[in-house]
Protein backbone atom coordinates (compact mmCIF):
# COMPACT_ATOMS: atom_id res chain seq x y z
CA MET A 1 114.80 106.21 88.51
CA GLY A 2 118.59 105.87 88.56
CA ASN A 3 120.75 104.23 85.93
CA THR A 4 121.56 101.29 88.22
CA VAL A 5 117.87 100.51 88.70
CA ARG A 6 117.24 100.77 84.94
CA TYR A 7 120.14 98.44 84.25
CA TYR A 8 118.73 95.68 86.44
CA ILE A 9 115.22 96.13 85.09
CA ARG A 10 116.53 95.68 81.54
CA GLY A 11 118.63 92.72 82.64
CA ARG A 12 115.61 90.54 83.36
CA ARG A 13 114.89 89.63 79.75
CA PRO A 14 116.90 91.92 77.46
CA GLN A 15 115.24 92.80 74.18
CA GLY A 16 115.20 95.64 71.69
CA PHE A 17 117.54 98.63 71.66
CA TRP A 18 117.78 99.09 75.43
CA GLY A 19 118.16 95.38 75.98
CA ARG A 20 121.11 95.34 73.60
CA ARG A 21 122.64 98.28 75.46
CA ALA A 22 122.25 96.42 78.77
CA LEU A 23 123.91 93.31 77.34
CA MET A 24 126.78 95.35 75.94
CA LYS A 25 127.24 96.84 79.40
CA MET A 26 127.26 93.34 80.92
CA ASN A 27 130.06 92.41 78.53
CA GLY A 28 132.05 95.58 79.29
CA LYS A 29 134.93 96.25 81.66
CA GLN A 30 132.62 97.80 84.26
CA HIS A 31 131.13 94.39 85.06
CA ALA A 32 134.27 92.30 84.63
CA ALA A 33 135.57 92.65 88.18
CA MET A 34 132.99 90.47 89.94
CA PRO A 35 133.11 87.38 87.68
CA GLU A 36 136.91 87.56 87.50
CA TRP A 37 137.03 87.72 91.31
CA VAL A 38 134.65 84.76 91.57
CA LEU A 39 136.40 82.59 88.98
CA SER A 40 139.86 83.31 90.38
CA GLU A 41 139.29 80.79 93.18
CA VAL A 42 137.10 78.23 91.39
CA ASP A 43 138.84 74.92 90.67
CA ILE A 44 138.25 74.48 86.93
CA LYS A 45 139.89 71.58 85.13
CA GLU A 46 140.88 71.76 81.48
CA ASP A 47 138.34 69.13 80.40
CA ASP A 48 135.39 70.28 82.52
CA HIS A 49 131.91 70.69 81.09
CA ILE A 50 130.35 73.90 82.40
CA LEU A 51 126.82 75.27 82.24
CA ASP A 52 126.33 79.03 82.62
CA VAL A 53 122.73 79.74 83.66
CA GLY A 54 121.58 83.18 82.55
CA CYS A 55 124.57 83.65 80.25
CA GLY A 56 123.64 87.17 79.17
CA GLY A 57 125.95 88.61 76.53
CA GLY A 58 128.49 85.79 76.79
CA ALA A 59 131.51 87.47 78.39
CA ASN A 60 131.64 85.01 81.28
CA ILE A 61 131.49 82.10 78.85
CA ALA A 62 134.56 83.52 77.11
CA ARG A 63 136.36 83.70 80.45
CA MET A 64 135.57 80.07 81.23
CA LEU A 65 136.42 78.80 77.75
CA LYS A 66 139.99 79.97 78.35
CA ARG A 67 140.12 77.65 81.36
CA VAL A 68 138.73 74.55 79.59
CA PRO A 69 140.76 74.00 76.39
CA LYS A 70 139.59 70.36 76.34
CA GLY A 71 136.11 70.98 77.70
CA LYS A 72 132.90 72.76 76.74
CA VAL A 73 130.72 75.57 78.04
CA ILE A 74 126.95 75.71 77.54
CA GLY A 75 125.15 79.04 77.84
CA LEU A 76 121.47 79.10 78.77
CA ASP A 77 119.23 82.16 78.76
CA TYR A 78 115.57 82.89 78.12
CA SER A 79 116.34 86.06 76.16
CA GLN A 80 116.75 85.35 72.45
CA LEU A 81 118.72 88.58 72.06
CA ALA A 82 121.13 87.48 74.81
CA LEU A 83 121.68 84.13 73.10
CA GLU A 84 122.40 85.80 69.77
CA MET A 85 124.86 88.25 71.31
CA ALA A 86 126.56 85.53 73.37
CA GLN A 87 127.02 83.43 70.25
CA ASP A 88 128.49 86.38 68.36
CA PHE A 89 130.79 87.20 71.28
CA ASN A 90 132.13 83.64 71.26
CA TYR A 91 131.78 82.99 67.54
CA ARG A 92 135.13 81.24 66.98
CA ASP A 93 134.55 78.79 69.83
CA TYR A 94 130.94 78.31 68.70
CA VAL A 95 132.13 77.32 65.22
CA ASP A 96 134.67 74.97 66.80
CA LYS A 97 131.81 73.44 68.84
CA ARG A 98 133.44 74.28 72.18
CA CYS A 99 130.37 76.19 73.27
CA LEU A 100 126.65 75.93 72.69
CA PHE A 101 123.75 78.28 73.40
CA MET A 102 120.17 77.37 74.15
CA GLY A 103 116.97 78.91 75.41
CA GLY A 104 115.50 77.84 78.70
CA ASN A 105 114.14 78.71 82.10
CA ALA A 106 116.35 78.27 85.16
CA MET A 107 113.54 76.51 87.02
CA GLN A 108 113.17 73.72 84.44
CA MET A 109 116.15 73.44 82.12
CA PRO A 110 115.84 71.22 79.03
CA LEU A 111 119.05 69.33 79.76
CA ALA A 112 120.02 65.79 80.73
CA LYS A 113 120.90 65.07 84.35
CA GLU A 114 124.43 64.71 85.72
CA MET A 115 126.19 66.15 82.68
CA TYR A 116 128.14 69.07 84.16
CA ASN A 117 131.15 69.46 86.43
CA ILE A 118 130.32 73.08 87.19
CA VAL A 119 127.16 75.18 86.93
CA THR A 120 127.55 78.95 87.25
CA ALA A 121 124.94 81.62 87.92
CA PHE A 122 126.25 85.16 87.62
CA GLU A 123 123.90 88.03 88.47
CA THR A 124 120.82 85.95 87.63
CA ILE A 125 119.24 84.45 90.75
CA TYR A 126 117.61 87.84 91.43
CA TYR A 127 115.21 87.14 88.57
CA TRP A 128 114.27 83.54 89.32
CA LEU A 129 110.67 82.86 90.25
CA SER A 130 111.82 80.22 92.74
CA LEU A 131 115.26 79.78 94.23
CA GLU A 132 114.17 76.35 95.50
CA LEU A 133 113.26 75.09 92.02
CA GLY A 134 116.33 76.65 90.41
CA PHE A 135 118.77 75.08 92.86
CA ALA A 136 116.95 71.75 92.67
CA ASP A 137 117.31 71.67 88.89
CA ILE A 138 120.99 72.61 89.06
CA TYR A 139 121.48 69.79 91.56
CA ARG A 140 119.89 67.44 89.01
CA LEU A 141 122.22 68.60 86.24
CA LEU A 142 125.49 68.40 88.17
CA LYS A 143 127.61 65.28 88.21
CA PRO A 144 128.24 63.78 91.67
CA GLY A 145 130.95 65.92 93.21
CA GLY A 146 130.10 68.81 90.86
CA THR A 147 130.09 72.43 91.95
CA ILE A 148 127.55 75.23 91.80
CA VAL A 149 129.02 78.74 91.65
CA ILE A 150 126.92 81.82 92.41
CA GLY A 151 128.25 85.34 91.87
CA ASN A 152 126.36 88.57 92.61
CA GLU A 153 127.21 92.26 92.60
CA LEU A 154 124.35 92.98 95.00
CA ASP A 155 124.61 91.73 98.59
CA GLY A 156 121.16 92.62 99.96
CA LYS A 157 122.62 95.12 102.43
CA GLN A 158 122.41 98.40 100.52
CA GLU A 159 119.59 100.89 100.12
CA ILE A 160 119.92 100.59 96.33
CA ASP A 161 118.98 96.91 96.70
CA ARG A 162 115.67 97.84 98.27
CA LYS A 163 115.07 100.49 95.58
CA ILE A 164 115.62 97.91 92.86
CA GLU A 165 113.23 95.45 94.53
CA ARG A 166 110.53 98.12 94.90
CA ALA A 167 110.98 99.41 91.35
CA THR A 168 110.79 95.99 89.72
CA ASN A 169 108.32 94.26 92.06
CA TYR A 170 109.76 90.91 90.92
CA MET A 171 113.44 90.97 91.80
CA ARG A 172 114.66 89.48 95.07
CA ILE A 173 118.15 90.33 96.27
CA TYR A 174 119.40 87.62 98.57
CA SER A 175 121.86 87.77 101.43
CA ILE A 176 124.66 85.23 101.70
CA GLU A 177 122.74 83.57 104.52
CA ASP A 178 119.64 83.22 102.32
CA ILE A 179 121.64 81.63 99.52
CA GLU A 180 123.40 79.23 101.87
CA ALA A 181 120.11 78.14 103.43
CA HIS A 182 118.50 77.43 100.05
CA LEU A 183 121.55 75.47 98.88
CA LYS A 184 121.46 73.33 102.00
CA GLN A 185 117.75 72.73 101.49
CA ALA A 186 118.44 71.58 97.92
CA GLY A 187 120.89 68.96 99.20
CA PHE A 188 124.21 70.68 98.54
CA THR A 189 127.14 70.23 100.92
CA ASN A 190 130.55 71.86 101.44
CA ILE A 191 128.91 75.30 101.18
CA LYS A 192 131.50 78.09 101.14
CA SER A 193 131.08 81.85 100.87
CA ARG A 194 133.31 84.79 100.05
CA TYR A 195 132.40 88.43 100.47
CA ASP A 196 134.11 91.58 99.20
CA GLU A 197 132.73 94.14 101.64
CA GLU A 198 134.14 97.15 99.79
CA ARG A 199 132.64 96.23 96.42
CA HIS A 200 129.65 94.26 97.85
CA PHE A 201 130.57 91.22 95.75
CA VAL A 202 129.15 87.87 96.83
CA CYS A 203 130.37 84.40 95.89
CA VAL A 204 128.82 81.19 97.18
CA THR A 205 129.91 77.71 96.07
CA ALA A 206 128.63 74.28 97.06
CA THR A 207 129.08 70.63 96.11
CA LYS A 208 126.65 67.95 95.02
């Protein structure tokens, strides 16, 4: 089993020593390129309220906090270790109450409806039990006119994608077309996609 496959297996619900190593890797420079590429073209206003579903080690929350000096970012994950590391990674902003971390499942998030301008999902939809339920709940949480942002490092076109799916037996790596179809089914409009063919990066955004 290769290191890439192990990384994604440990990314499902990081815990223990190897889970901590996976989260540290998520926060490292190696995995910075995709979220920075995604966020570079997302219209984020300084007072936006953002929810990051599957926040992992918290590096993406730090990136978004820089863009919302008058707003807030909420990180949600169902790994307690991830939440602890994300809070530590963003400790100053956590103390200043500019960010908050909470446990929860992407299919049924314990949050009030229509509270967020943007909901992001970086490298996490692979693990969801139901894309339909996840997108439906994000639709519920977004304010009218709000934006969902999906960023993946796997595009569903490579042999390694199939290896990961076979090795885990629970991950599903979606194509851009799959993601777009599920977003449309959930009621989203203005669906736009970007694709970095060389790096296999995928970004899909849509509006409530």
